[in-house]
Every structure is written in C-alpha cells, then in structure tokens.
Amino acid sequence: MADPMKIRANAANGMTEVKVLMAHPMEGGMRKDASGNVVPAHYITDVTVKHGDKVVLQCMWGQSVSQNPYLAFKFKGGAKGEKVTVSWQDNKGDSRTDEATIA
C-alpha cells in the first residue's frame, strides 16, 4: 500500500485552500533501467477530492505527471473542523484515500 498523503486544508474568507503531496512513483513506461529494460508504466489516473459528500475537484491524470505529485487548489466553502477527503487510483488498480481536517 502507498504511503499516506500529506494534506493541508485551511479556510479563510469563505474559501478553502487545499495542498496535497502524494507519494507515488509515476512511471511513464518509457524509461529504461540500468540493464536497458523498460520500466513498466505505473501512474495515477484519477484523483477525487470531496468536502463532506460533495466532490470539489476531479482530475484525470496521465503519464506525464511527475513523481510524488503535488496538487494545490481552492474551493468555495468549507469551515474549520470539517473534513476534506482525497482519493486516487492508478493504472495498476492501486488506490489510496486520506482525509484532513480544515484548519
């Protein structure tokens, strides 16, 4: 299973800013290892962020996103003490879901 995501969410002036650092190799399937063998593709394909039951961000990613991707965005609403949930799924069927409390 993948390492936990580092998530920070802060509310101010009616907006919530979310910052997420995801631990993932994000291999594009085009790089070769030291022996000259192609390293198989392994990358995040879908990211979903929810505030309560409402989806506030949904992304479809591909092979060009860098290793250990960083995501930052803002959404309207959110209050201190509420939860933000971040989920991802990759091309090998692995997934991860973590949550953070809005500060």
N, C-alpha and C. Protein backbone atom coordinates (compact mmCIF):
# COMPACT_ATOMS: atom_id res chain seq x y z
N MET A 1 0.85 -1.19 0.00
CA MET A 1 0.00 0.00 0.00
C MET A 1 0.89 1.24 0.00
N ALA A 2 0.41 2.27 -0.63
CA ALA A 2 1.15 3.52 -0.77
C ALA A 2 1.23 4.26 0.56
N ASP A 3 2.25 5.11 0.66
CA ASP A 3 2.41 5.95 1.85
C ASP A 3 1.27 6.93 1.95
N PRO A 4 0.94 7.37 3.17
CA PRO A 4 -0.14 8.35 3.35
C PRO A 4 0.18 9.66 2.61
N MET A 5 -0.87 10.31 2.15
CA MET A 5 -0.71 11.61 1.52
C MET A 5 -0.54 12.66 2.61
N LYS A 6 0.17 13.71 2.30
CA LYS A 6 0.30 14.84 3.20
C LYS A 6 -0.71 15.87 2.72
N ILE A 7 -1.71 16.15 3.54
CA ILE A 7 -2.80 17.05 3.14
C ILE A 7 -2.91 18.18 4.15
N ARG A 8 -3.00 19.39 3.63
CA ARG A 8 -3.27 20.57 4.46
C ARG A 8 -4.46 21.30 3.85
N ALA A 9 -5.40 21.68 4.70
CA ALA A 9 -6.56 22.43 4.24
C ALA A 9 -6.80 23.57 5.21
N ASN A 10 -6.88 24.78 4.69
CA ASN A 10 -7.07 25.97 5.51
C ASN A 10 -8.21 26.81 4.96
N ALA A 11 -9.11 27.22 5.84
CA ALA A 11 -10.25 28.05 5.45
C ALA A 11 -9.98 29.51 5.83
N ALA A 12 -10.32 30.42 4.92
CA ALA A 12 -10.21 31.86 5.17
C ALA A 12 -11.07 32.60 4.16
N ASN A 13 -11.84 33.56 4.63
CA ASN A 13 -12.64 34.44 3.77
C ASN A 13 -13.58 33.67 2.83
N GLY A 14 -14.19 32.62 3.33
CA GLY A 14 -15.16 31.87 2.53
C GLY A 14 -14.57 30.89 1.53
N MET A 15 -13.24 30.77 1.51
CA MET A 15 -12.55 29.86 0.60
C MET A 15 -11.73 28.87 1.42
N THR A 16 -11.55 27.68 0.88
CA THR A 16 -10.68 26.69 1.50
C THR A 16 -9.57 26.36 0.52
N GLU A 17 -8.33 26.49 0.99
CA GLU A 17 -7.17 26.14 0.18
C GLU A 17 -6.68 24.76 0.60
N VAL A 18 -6.52 23.88 -0.39
CA VAL A 18 -6.09 22.51 -0.13
C VAL A 18 -4.75 22.28 -0.82
N LYS A 19 -3.80 21.69 -0.09
CA LYS A 19 -2.50 21.33 -0.64
C LYS A 19 -2.26 19.85 -0.34
N VAL A 20 -1.89 19.10 -1.37
CA VAL A 20 -1.73 17.65 -1.23
C VAL A 20 -0.40 17.22 -1.85
N LEU A 21 0.36 16.41 -1.11
CA LEU A 21 1.57 15.78 -1.62
C LEU A 21 1.33 14.27 -1.61
N MET A 22 1.37 13.66 -2.79
CA MET A 22 1.09 12.23 -2.93
C MET A 22 2.38 11.47 -3.17
N ALA A 23 2.59 10.38 -2.46
CA ALA A 23 3.76 9.53 -2.67
C ALA A 23 3.41 8.48 -3.72
N HIS A 24 4.01 8.62 -4.91
CA HIS A 24 3.74 7.66 -5.99
C HIS A 24 4.89 7.74 -7.00
N PRO A 25 5.33 6.58 -7.55
CA PRO A 25 6.46 6.60 -8.49
C PRO A 25 6.17 7.28 -9.82
N MET A 26 4.92 7.27 -10.29
CA MET A 26 4.52 7.93 -11.54
C MET A 26 5.46 7.59 -12.70
N GLU A 27 5.66 6.31 -12.95
CA GLU A 27 6.47 5.84 -14.07
C GLU A 27 5.66 5.91 -15.36
N GLY A 28 6.24 6.52 -16.38
CA GLY A 28 5.54 6.70 -17.64
C GLY A 28 5.58 5.51 -18.58
N GLY A 29 6.47 4.55 -18.31
CA GLY A 29 6.57 3.37 -19.15
C GLY A 29 7.51 3.55 -20.34
N MET A 30 8.29 4.62 -20.32
CA MET A 30 9.20 4.87 -21.44
C MET A 30 10.67 4.89 -20.99
N ARG A 31 10.89 4.91 -19.68
CA ARG A 31 12.25 4.98 -19.15
C ARG A 31 12.84 3.57 -19.07
N LYS A 32 14.15 3.47 -19.22
CA LYS A 32 14.83 2.19 -19.10
C LYS A 32 15.66 2.16 -17.83
N ASP A 33 15.75 0.97 -17.22
CA ASP A 33 16.57 0.82 -16.02
C ASP A 33 18.03 0.64 -16.42
N ALA A 34 18.90 0.39 -15.44
CA ALA A 34 20.34 0.27 -15.70
C ALA A 34 20.67 -0.89 -16.63
N SER A 35 19.82 -1.90 -16.67
CA SER A 35 20.04 -3.07 -17.54
C SER A 35 19.49 -2.87 -18.95
N GLY A 36 18.83 -1.76 -19.19
CA GLY A 36 18.27 -1.48 -20.50
C GLY A 36 16.84 -1.97 -20.69
N ASN A 37 16.24 -2.48 -19.61
CA ASN A 37 14.85 -2.95 -19.66
C ASN A 37 13.90 -1.78 -19.41
N VAL A 38 12.78 -1.76 -20.12
CA VAL A 38 11.79 -0.70 -19.95
C VAL A 38 11.12 -0.87 -18.58
N VAL A 39 11.07 0.22 -17.84
CA VAL A 39 10.37 0.22 -16.55
C VAL A 39 8.87 0.33 -16.86
N PRO A 40 8.06 -0.63 -16.37
CA PRO A 40 6.63 -0.63 -16.70
C PRO A 40 5.91 0.64 -16.22
N ALA A 41 4.91 1.04 -16.97
CA ALA A 41 4.10 2.21 -16.61
C ALA A 41 3.38 1.96 -15.29
N HIS A 42 3.40 2.96 -14.42
CA HIS A 42 2.71 2.90 -13.12
C HIS A 42 2.46 4.35 -12.71
N TYR A 43 1.24 4.81 -12.94
CA TYR A 43 0.94 6.22 -12.69
C TYR A 43 -0.51 6.40 -12.24
N ILE A 44 -0.76 7.49 -11.54
CA ILE A 44 -2.10 7.83 -11.06
C ILE A 44 -2.94 8.25 -12.26
N THR A 45 -4.16 7.71 -12.33
CA THR A 45 -5.06 8.04 -13.44
C THR A 45 -6.21 8.94 -13.01
N ASP A 46 -6.67 8.78 -11.77
CA ASP A 46 -7.84 9.54 -11.29
C ASP A 46 -7.60 10.08 -9.89
N VAL A 47 -7.96 11.33 -9.68
CA VAL A 47 -7.90 11.97 -8.36
C VAL A 47 -9.26 12.60 -8.09
N THR A 48 -9.79 12.36 -6.88
CA THR A 48 -11.07 12.95 -6.48
C THR A 48 -10.91 13.56 -5.10
N VAL A 49 -11.40 14.78 -4.94
CA VAL A 49 -11.37 15.45 -3.64
C VAL A 49 -12.80 15.79 -3.26
N LYS A 50 -13.16 15.42 -2.02
CA LYS A 50 -14.51 15.70 -1.52
C LYS A 50 -14.45 16.54 -0.26
N HIS A 51 -15.44 17.41 -0.15
CA HIS A 51 -15.68 18.17 1.08
C HIS A 51 -17.02 17.65 1.58
N GLY A 52 -16.99 16.83 2.64
CA GLY A 52 -18.19 16.13 3.05
C GLY A 52 -18.55 15.13 1.96
N ASP A 53 -19.77 15.18 1.44
CA ASP A 53 -20.20 14.29 0.36
C ASP A 53 -20.12 14.95 -1.01
N LYS A 54 -19.69 16.21 -1.06
CA LYS A 54 -19.66 16.96 -2.31
C LYS A 54 -18.27 16.87 -2.97
N VAL A 55 -18.22 16.50 -4.24
CA VAL A 55 -16.97 16.47 -4.98
C VAL A 55 -16.60 17.91 -5.34
N VAL A 56 -15.41 18.34 -4.90
CA VAL A 56 -14.95 19.71 -5.19
C VAL A 56 -13.86 19.74 -6.25
N LEU A 57 -13.26 18.58 -6.55
CA LEU A 57 -12.25 18.51 -7.60
C LEU A 57 -12.17 17.07 -8.10
N GLN A 58 -12.13 16.92 -9.42
CA GLN A 58 -11.95 15.61 -10.01
C GLN A 58 -10.98 15.77 -11.17
N CYS A 59 -9.92 14.97 -11.19
CA CYS A 59 -8.87 15.07 -12.21
C CYS A 59 -8.64 13.72 -12.87
N MET A 60 -8.27 13.77 -14.13
CA MET A 60 -7.79 12.60 -14.85
C MET A 60 -6.35 12.90 -15.24
N TRP A 61 -5.43 12.09 -14.71
CA TRP A 61 -4.01 12.31 -14.98
C TRP A 61 -3.48 11.26 -15.93
N GLY A 62 -2.30 11.53 -16.48
CA GLY A 62 -1.66 10.61 -17.40
C GLY A 62 -0.20 10.40 -17.03
N GLN A 63 0.54 9.89 -17.98
CA GLN A 63 1.92 9.50 -17.77
C GLN A 63 2.88 10.67 -17.56
N SER A 64 2.49 11.87 -17.93
CA SER A 64 3.43 13.00 -17.89
C SER A 64 3.51 13.70 -16.54
N VAL A 65 2.73 13.29 -15.55
CA VAL A 65 2.78 13.91 -14.23
C VAL A 65 4.00 13.36 -13.49
N SER A 66 4.73 14.25 -12.80
CA SER A 66 5.98 13.86 -12.16
C SER A 66 5.79 12.98 -10.93
N GLN A 67 6.88 12.35 -10.54
CA GLN A 67 6.92 11.51 -9.34
C GLN A 67 6.51 12.33 -8.12
N ASN A 68 5.81 11.68 -7.18
CA ASN A 68 5.33 12.32 -5.95
C ASN A 68 4.61 13.64 -6.26
N PRO A 69 3.50 13.56 -6.99
CA PRO A 69 2.82 14.78 -7.44
C PRO A 69 2.29 15.66 -6.30
N TYR A 70 2.35 16.95 -6.55
CA TYR A 70 1.85 17.98 -5.63
C TYR A 70 0.64 18.63 -6.29
N LEU A 71 -0.44 18.77 -5.54
CA LEU A 71 -1.67 19.37 -6.04
C LEU A 71 -2.10 20.47 -5.07
N ALA A 72 -2.42 21.64 -5.59
CA ALA A 72 -2.91 22.74 -4.76
C ALA A 72 -4.07 23.41 -5.49
N PHE A 73 -5.14 23.71 -4.75
CA PHE A 73 -6.31 24.36 -5.34
C PHE A 73 -7.14 24.97 -4.22
N LYS A 74 -8.13 25.78 -4.61
CA LYS A 74 -9.06 26.39 -3.67
C LYS A 74 -10.48 26.06 -4.09
N PHE A 75 -11.38 26.01 -3.12
CA PHE A 75 -12.80 25.87 -3.43
C PHE A 75 -13.60 26.76 -2.48
N LYS A 76 -14.80 27.14 -2.95
CA LYS A 76 -15.68 27.98 -2.16
C LYS A 76 -16.34 27.16 -1.07
N GLY A 77 -16.35 27.68 0.14
CA GLY A 77 -16.97 26.99 1.26
C GLY A 77 -15.94 26.31 2.14
N GLY A 78 -16.43 25.49 3.04
CA GLY A 78 -15.56 24.82 3.99
C GLY A 78 -15.39 25.65 5.24
N ALA A 79 -15.43 24.97 6.36
CA ALA A 79 -15.28 25.66 7.64
C ALA A 79 -14.30 24.87 8.51
N LYS A 80 -13.69 25.57 9.44
CA LYS A 80 -12.74 24.92 10.33
C LYS A 80 -13.42 23.75 11.05
N GLY A 81 -12.70 22.63 11.09
CA GLY A 81 -13.21 21.44 11.75
C GLY A 81 -13.88 20.45 10.81
N GLU A 82 -14.25 20.89 9.59
CA GLU A 82 -14.84 19.98 8.61
C GLU A 82 -13.74 19.16 7.93
N LYS A 83 -14.13 18.11 7.23
CA LYS A 83 -13.16 17.19 6.61
C LYS A 83 -13.08 17.37 5.10
N VAL A 84 -11.88 17.15 4.58
CA VAL A 84 -11.61 17.08 3.16
C VAL A 84 -11.00 15.70 2.91
N THR A 85 -11.54 14.97 1.93
CA THR A 85 -11.06 13.62 1.62
C THR A 85 -10.47 13.60 0.22
N VAL A 86 -9.25 13.07 0.11
CA VAL A 86 -8.55 12.97 -1.17
C VAL A 86 -8.36 11.50 -1.50
N SER A 87 -8.74 11.10 -2.73
CA SER A 87 -8.59 9.72 -3.18
C SER A 87 -7.91 9.70 -4.54
N TRP A 88 -7.07 8.69 -4.75
CA TRP A 88 -6.52 8.48 -6.09
C TRP A 88 -6.56 7.00 -6.43
N GLN A 89 -6.52 6.74 -7.75
CA GLN A 89 -6.44 5.37 -8.25
C GLN A 89 -5.42 5.38 -9.38
N ASP A 90 -4.63 4.29 -9.50
CA ASP A 90 -3.63 4.26 -10.57
C ASP A 90 -3.95 3.20 -11.62
N ASN A 91 -3.11 3.14 -12.63
CA ASN A 91 -3.34 2.24 -13.76
C ASN A 91 -3.15 0.77 -13.42
N LYS A 92 -2.63 0.46 -12.25
CA LYS A 92 -2.48 -0.94 -11.81
C LYS A 92 -3.58 -1.35 -10.84
N GLY A 93 -4.53 -0.46 -10.61
CA GLY A 93 -5.63 -0.78 -9.70
C GLY A 93 -5.38 -0.44 -8.25
N ASP A 94 -4.19 0.08 -7.93
CA ASP A 94 -3.90 0.52 -6.56
C ASP A 94 -4.67 1.80 -6.29
N SER A 95 -5.00 2.03 -5.03
CA SER A 95 -5.70 3.26 -4.67
C SER A 95 -5.32 3.67 -3.25
N ARG A 96 -5.63 4.90 -2.94
CA ARG A 96 -5.35 5.45 -1.61
C ARG A 96 -6.38 6.52 -1.33
N THR A 97 -6.85 6.59 -0.08
CA THR A 97 -7.76 7.63 0.37
C THR A 97 -7.28 8.11 1.73
N ASP A 98 -7.14 9.42 1.87
CA ASP A 98 -6.77 10.03 3.14
C ASP A 98 -7.63 11.27 3.34
N GLU A 99 -7.72 11.71 4.58
CA GLU A 99 -8.51 12.90 4.86
C GLU A 99 -7.78 13.82 5.82
N ALA A 100 -8.19 15.08 5.79
CA ALA A 100 -7.61 16.10 6.65
C ALA A 100 -8.74 16.97 7.19
N THR A 101 -8.50 17.54 8.33
CA THR A 101 -9.45 18.45 8.94
C THR A 101 -9.07 19.87 8.52
N ILE A 102 -10.06 20.64 8.11
CA ILE A 102 -9.82 22.02 7.70
C ILE A 102 -9.44 22.85 8.93
N ALA A 103 -8.34 23.58 8.80
CA ALA A 103 -7.85 24.43 9.91
C ALA A 103 -8.26 25.87 9.66
